Protein backbone atom coordinates (compact mmCIF):
# COMPACT_ATOMS: atom_id res chain seq x y z
CA MET A 1 45.84 14.86 -19.71
CA HIS A 2 44.73 17.03 -17.33
CA SER A 3 40.46 17.30 -15.64
CA GLU A 4 38.29 19.93 -16.49
CA PRO A 5 38.47 21.86 -13.21
CA GLU A 6 42.29 21.60 -13.83
CA ILE A 7 42.10 23.20 -17.42
CA ARG A 8 39.33 25.64 -16.47
CA GLN A 9 42.11 26.66 -13.68
CA ALA A 10 44.97 27.08 -15.86
CA LEU A 11 42.40 28.89 -18.57
CA ARG A 12 41.63 31.69 -15.74
CA GLU A 13 45.16 32.12 -14.45
CA TRP A 14 46.56 32.65 -18.22
CA ILE A 15 43.69 34.81 -19.21
CA LEU A 16 44.37 36.98 -16.14
CA GLY A 17 48.06 37.03 -16.72
CA LYS A 18 47.10 38.46 -20.33
CA ALA A 19 44.29 40.55 -19.40
CA ARG A 20 45.66 42.48 -16.75
CA ASP A 21 42.77 45.14 -16.58
CA LEU A 22 40.16 42.41 -16.00
CA ASP A 23 39.01 42.22 -12.29
CA PRO A 24 39.59 38.43 -11.15
CA ALA A 25 36.39 38.38 -9.48
CA ALA A 26 34.81 39.79 -12.93
CA LEU A 27 36.20 36.58 -14.93
CA THR A 28 33.02 33.78 -14.84
CA ASP A 29 32.86 30.95 -17.22
CA THR A 30 30.94 32.94 -19.92
CA THR A 31 32.79 36.47 -19.67
CA PRO A 32 33.49 37.29 -23.74
CA LEU A 33 37.27 37.43 -23.97
CA PHE A 34 37.48 38.38 -27.30
CA GLU A 35 34.59 40.48 -27.43
CA ARG A 36 35.51 42.74 -24.31
CA ARG A 37 39.22 43.02 -25.62
CA TYR A 38 40.50 40.92 -22.62
CA LEU A 39 42.18 39.15 -25.27
CA ARG A 40 43.68 39.89 -28.71
CA SER A 41 44.15 37.89 -31.72
CA LEU A 42 47.81 37.79 -31.13
CA HIS A 43 47.46 35.65 -27.65
CA VAL A 44 45.48 32.79 -29.94
CA PRO A 45 48.91 30.77 -30.59
CA GLU A 46 49.58 30.92 -27.23
CA LEU A 47 46.39 30.12 -25.96
CA LEU A 48 46.23 26.90 -28.40
CA LEU A 49 49.50 26.02 -27.41
CA LEU A 50 48.46 25.86 -23.97
CA LEU A 51 45.26 24.09 -24.70
CA GLU A 52 46.92 21.52 -26.56
CA ARG A 53 49.81 21.03 -23.19
CA LEU A 54 46.44 20.89 -20.88
CA ARG A 55 44.31 18.29 -23.21
CA GLY A 56 47.83 15.97 -24.04
CA GLU A 57 47.16 16.13 -27.96
CA PRO A 58 47.22 18.50 -31.00
CA ILE A 59 44.61 20.70 -32.08
CA ASP A 60 43.73 20.55 -35.60
CA VAL A 61 43.88 24.09 -37.15
CA GLU A 62 41.77 23.06 -39.61
CA ASP A 63 38.81 22.47 -37.73
CA LEU A 64 39.05 26.01 -35.65
CA GLY A 65 36.25 28.30 -35.56
CA ALA A 66 35.95 32.22 -34.72
CA GLY A 67 33.66 31.47 -31.96
CA ASP A 68 35.65 28.73 -30.63
CA PHE A 69 37.33 31.10 -28.24
CA ARG A 70 34.31 33.16 -26.93
CA ASP A 71 34.92 32.18 -23.44
CA ILE A 72 36.12 29.47 -21.14
CA ASP A 73 32.84 27.16 -21.24
CA THR A 74 33.23 27.31 -25.21
CA LEU A 75 37.05 26.85 -25.35
CA LEU A 76 36.26 23.35 -22.62
CA ALA A 77 33.47 22.48 -24.92
CA LYS A 78 35.78 22.83 -27.72
CA PHE A 79 39.38 21.50 -26.66
CA GLY A 80 38.23 20.00 -22.98
CA PRO A 81 39.07 16.06 -21.58
CA ALA A 82 35.51 14.66 -23.40
CA ARG A 83 35.84 16.41 -26.41
CA ALA A 84 39.94 14.76 -26.39
CA ALA A 85 38.22 11.58 -25.33
CA SER A 86 35.75 11.48 -28.62
C-alpha cells in the first residue's frame, strides 16, 4: 500500500495524462474532474484499477457512488490508505 502523498501524486500524474487540456497548475485536490469533463465515464474502469493497485486491495464495486469520483480529495477519502486500513 502507498502513502496518501504517494497516492495523490500518482492520481495527479494519471489525471494529467488523461486530461491533456488541463493545465497542471490548475489541477488542485478539489478540481471537479468529471463535472468539468477532464475525465469521462470511460476512464472509470482504469481509474479503479489504478486505485486498487495504489491501495493494495480490491475495491467493492457494489459500494461505489457517482460522487465518489468528484475530485482527488474525495477519491482519497473513499479509497485512500485510511479507508483501506478500516
